[in-house]
Amino acid sequence: MNKLIASTATALFLASAQITFAQSISASNPETLTNMLSESGYPTEIVTDSYGDPQIKTEIDGTKMDINFYGCTDGRNCRDIQFRASFDTSGNTSLQTLHDWNRDFFIGKAYQNNQGYSVIEHAVAGVDGMSRYTFDRILARWTSAVDSFKEHIGF
């Protein structure tokens, strides 16, 4: 009887591990991110950036965003991701406003790029086997930060 219980418990554990693995998010497999985003109703397109690494283009709540991949080897086996959103503020956002954001807010690093856009980025290291629940929480915090950033820069 104990062997039957142990066998059943092992089988259930292995089945749940397979389900968890199948639903996990991994930077080494960009499709896991696009699938999750698509299932949540967001459009996605995988392109290749200027370094030869994957990049996901998406739009969330009317804001166009990129998800960049880092720690890649020849455009594959990436380890980390970075969310990025840029806003054409024509250089009208003061550096002090961006500095204030960086000082006061936890999610999202802000700066002005060479074209005068106000940019917010958020890096997520070690995206390998991340649960959907964890990724959903990160995505929710990111989208909330983007909304706050837009308000902060008057966009």
Protein backbone atom coordinates (compact mmCIF):
# COMPACT_ATOMS: atom_id res chain seq x y z
CA MET A 1 0.00 0.00 0.00
CA ASN A 2 2.84 2.39 0.85
CA LYS A 3 4.45 1.66 -2.52
CA LEU A 4 1.16 2.47 -4.26
CA ILE A 5 0.87 5.78 -2.40
CA ALA A 6 4.51 6.62 -3.13
CA SER A 7 4.07 5.74 -6.82
CA THR A 8 0.92 7.83 -7.09
CA ALA A 9 2.58 10.78 -5.34
CA THR A 10 5.59 10.54 -7.66
CA ALA A 11 3.37 10.40 -10.74
CA LEU A 12 1.38 13.44 -9.58
CA PHE A 13 4.59 15.35 -8.84
CA LEU A 14 6.03 14.58 -12.27
CA ALA A 15 2.78 15.54 -13.99
CA SER A 16 2.61 18.85 -12.14
CA ALA A 17 6.28 19.54 -12.93
CA GLN A 18 5.58 18.98 -16.65
CA ILE A 19 2.58 21.33 -16.55
CA THR A 20 4.61 23.98 -14.70
CA PHE A 21 7.49 23.64 -17.16
CA ALA A 22 5.11 23.91 -20.12
CA GLN A 23 3.70 27.16 -18.73
CA SER A 24 7.05 28.68 -17.82
CA ILE A 25 8.56 31.78 -19.41
CA SER A 26 12.13 31.66 -20.66
CA ALA A 27 14.32 34.28 -22.33
CA SER A 28 15.99 31.44 -24.24
CA ASN A 29 12.63 30.82 -25.95
CA PRO A 30 11.07 34.17 -26.97
CA GLU A 31 7.92 32.38 -28.13
CA THR A 32 7.06 31.66 -24.49
CA LEU A 33 6.79 35.42 -23.98
CA THR A 34 4.88 36.07 -27.20
CA ASN A 35 2.46 33.24 -26.39
CA MET A 36 1.81 34.63 -22.91
CA LEU A 37 1.37 38.17 -24.23
CA SER A 38 -0.95 36.98 -27.02
CA GLU A 39 -3.03 34.95 -24.56
CA SER A 40 -3.40 38.17 -22.54
CA GLY A 41 -4.66 40.00 -25.63
CA TYR A 42 -1.51 41.92 -26.60
CA PRO A 43 -0.24 42.00 -30.19
CA THR A 44 3.28 40.67 -30.64
CA GLU A 45 5.91 40.54 -33.32
CA ILE A 46 9.35 38.98 -32.96
CA VAL A 47 12.08 40.82 -34.87
CA THR A 48 15.87 40.79 -34.72
CA ASP A 49 17.64 43.81 -33.20
CA SER A 50 20.81 45.43 -34.54
CA TYR A 51 22.92 43.02 -32.44
CA GLY A 52 21.26 39.95 -33.92
CA ASP A 53 19.27 39.21 -30.78
CA PRO A 54 15.50 38.71 -30.57
CA GLN A 55 13.23 41.63 -29.80
CA ILE A 56 9.50 41.53 -29.20
CA LYS A 57 7.41 44.48 -30.33
CA THR A 58 4.09 44.85 -28.56
CA GLU A 59 1.51 47.41 -27.53
CA ILE A 60 0.00 47.55 -24.09
CA ASP A 61 -2.78 49.98 -23.21
CA GLY A 62 -2.05 52.03 -26.33
CA THR A 63 1.69 52.32 -25.64
CA LYS A 64 4.16 50.70 -28.03
CA MET A 65 6.86 48.78 -26.20
CA ASP A 66 9.83 46.57 -26.92
CA ILE A 67 11.07 43.59 -24.99
CA ASN A 68 14.78 43.24 -25.61
CA PHE A 69 16.81 40.11 -24.98
CA TYR A 70 20.27 40.10 -23.37
CA GLY A 71 22.94 37.58 -22.48
CA CYS A 72 22.42 35.85 -25.83
CA THR A 73 24.90 33.73 -27.73
CA ASP A 74 24.63 34.29 -31.47
CA GLY A 75 21.04 35.51 -31.08
CA ARG A 76 19.99 32.42 -29.10
CA ASN A 77 20.00 31.06 -25.56
CA CYS A 78 19.27 34.48 -24.05
CA ARG A 79 19.22 34.85 -20.27
CA ASP A 80 17.67 38.23 -19.52
CA ILE A 81 15.02 40.59 -20.85
CA GLN A 82 14.44 44.31 -20.73
CA PHE A 83 11.15 46.14 -21.17
CA ARG A 84 11.45 49.51 -22.95
CA ALA A 85 9.02 52.27 -23.87
CA SER A 86 9.98 55.52 -25.59
CA PHE A 87 7.99 58.73 -25.84
CA ASP A 88 8.57 61.47 -28.40
CA THR A 89 8.82 64.44 -26.08
CA SER A 90 11.10 66.31 -28.52
CA GLY A 91 13.60 66.90 -25.74
CA ASN A 92 11.03 68.90 -23.77
CA THR A 93 11.24 66.70 -20.68
CA SER A 94 13.84 68.17 -18.37
CA LEU A 95 16.69 66.04 -17.15
CA GLN A 96 15.60 66.99 -13.62
CA THR A 97 12.18 65.43 -14.28
CA LEU A 98 13.89 62.21 -15.39
CA HIS A 99 16.26 62.36 -12.41
CA ASP A 100 13.27 62.79 -10.08
CA TRP A 101 11.70 59.68 -11.59
CA ASN A 102 14.85 57.65 -11.01
CA ARG A 103 15.06 58.87 -7.44
CA ASP A 104 11.41 58.38 -6.52
CA PHE A 105 10.29 55.26 -8.39
CA PHE A 106 11.45 51.68 -8.02
CA ILE A 107 10.37 50.21 -11.36
CA GLY A 108 11.87 51.67 -14.51
CA LYS A 109 15.07 53.55 -15.24
CA ALA A 110 14.42 56.80 -17.10
CA TYR A 111 16.64 58.79 -19.45
CA GLN A 112 16.59 60.92 -22.58
CA ASN A 113 17.99 59.25 -25.69
CA ASN A 114 19.95 60.94 -28.50
CA GLN A 115 16.74 61.71 -30.41
CA GLY A 116 15.26 63.60 -27.42
CA TYR A 117 12.79 60.84 -26.54
CA SER A 118 12.00 60.15 -22.91
CA VAL A 119 12.70 56.47 -22.33
CA ILE A 120 11.82 54.11 -19.50
CA GLU A 121 13.40 50.67 -19.18
CA HIS A 122 13.11 47.79 -16.75
CA ALA A 123 15.55 44.87 -16.77
CA VAL A 124 14.61 41.42 -15.55
CA ALA A 125 17.56 39.11 -14.98
CA GLY A 126 17.49 35.34 -15.03
CA VAL A 127 14.29 34.73 -16.99
CA ASP A 128 14.60 30.97 -17.22
CA GLY A 129 11.70 28.80 -16.16
CA MET A 130 9.82 31.75 -14.67
CA SER A 131 6.23 30.96 -13.77
CA ARG A 132 3.41 32.63 -15.62
CA TYR A 133 2.19 34.03 -12.31
CA THR A 134 5.54 35.72 -11.67
CA PHE A 135 5.77 37.06 -15.21
CA ASP A 136 2.18 38.39 -14.99
CA ARG A 137 3.12 40.24 -11.78
CA ILE A 138 6.23 41.74 -13.41
CA LEU A 139 4.21 42.76 -16.48
CA ALA A 140 1.49 44.35 -14.32
CA ARG A 141 4.06 46.34 -12.34
CA TRP A 142 5.79 47.39 -15.57
CA THR A 143 2.57 48.60 -17.23
CA SER A 144 1.64 50.48 -14.06
CA ALA A 145 5.09 52.11 -14.03
CA VAL A 146 4.71 53.12 -17.69
CA ASP A 147 1.35 54.75 -16.94
CA SER A 148 2.90 56.62 -14.00
CA PHE A 149 5.90 57.62 -16.12
CA LYS A 150 3.67 59.03 -18.85
CA GLU A 151 1.89 61.12 -16.25
CA HIS A 152 5.22 62.14 -14.68
CA ILE A 153 6.58 63.47 -17.99
CA GLY A 154 3.25 65.00 -19.04
CA PHE A 155 2.76 62.73 -22.03
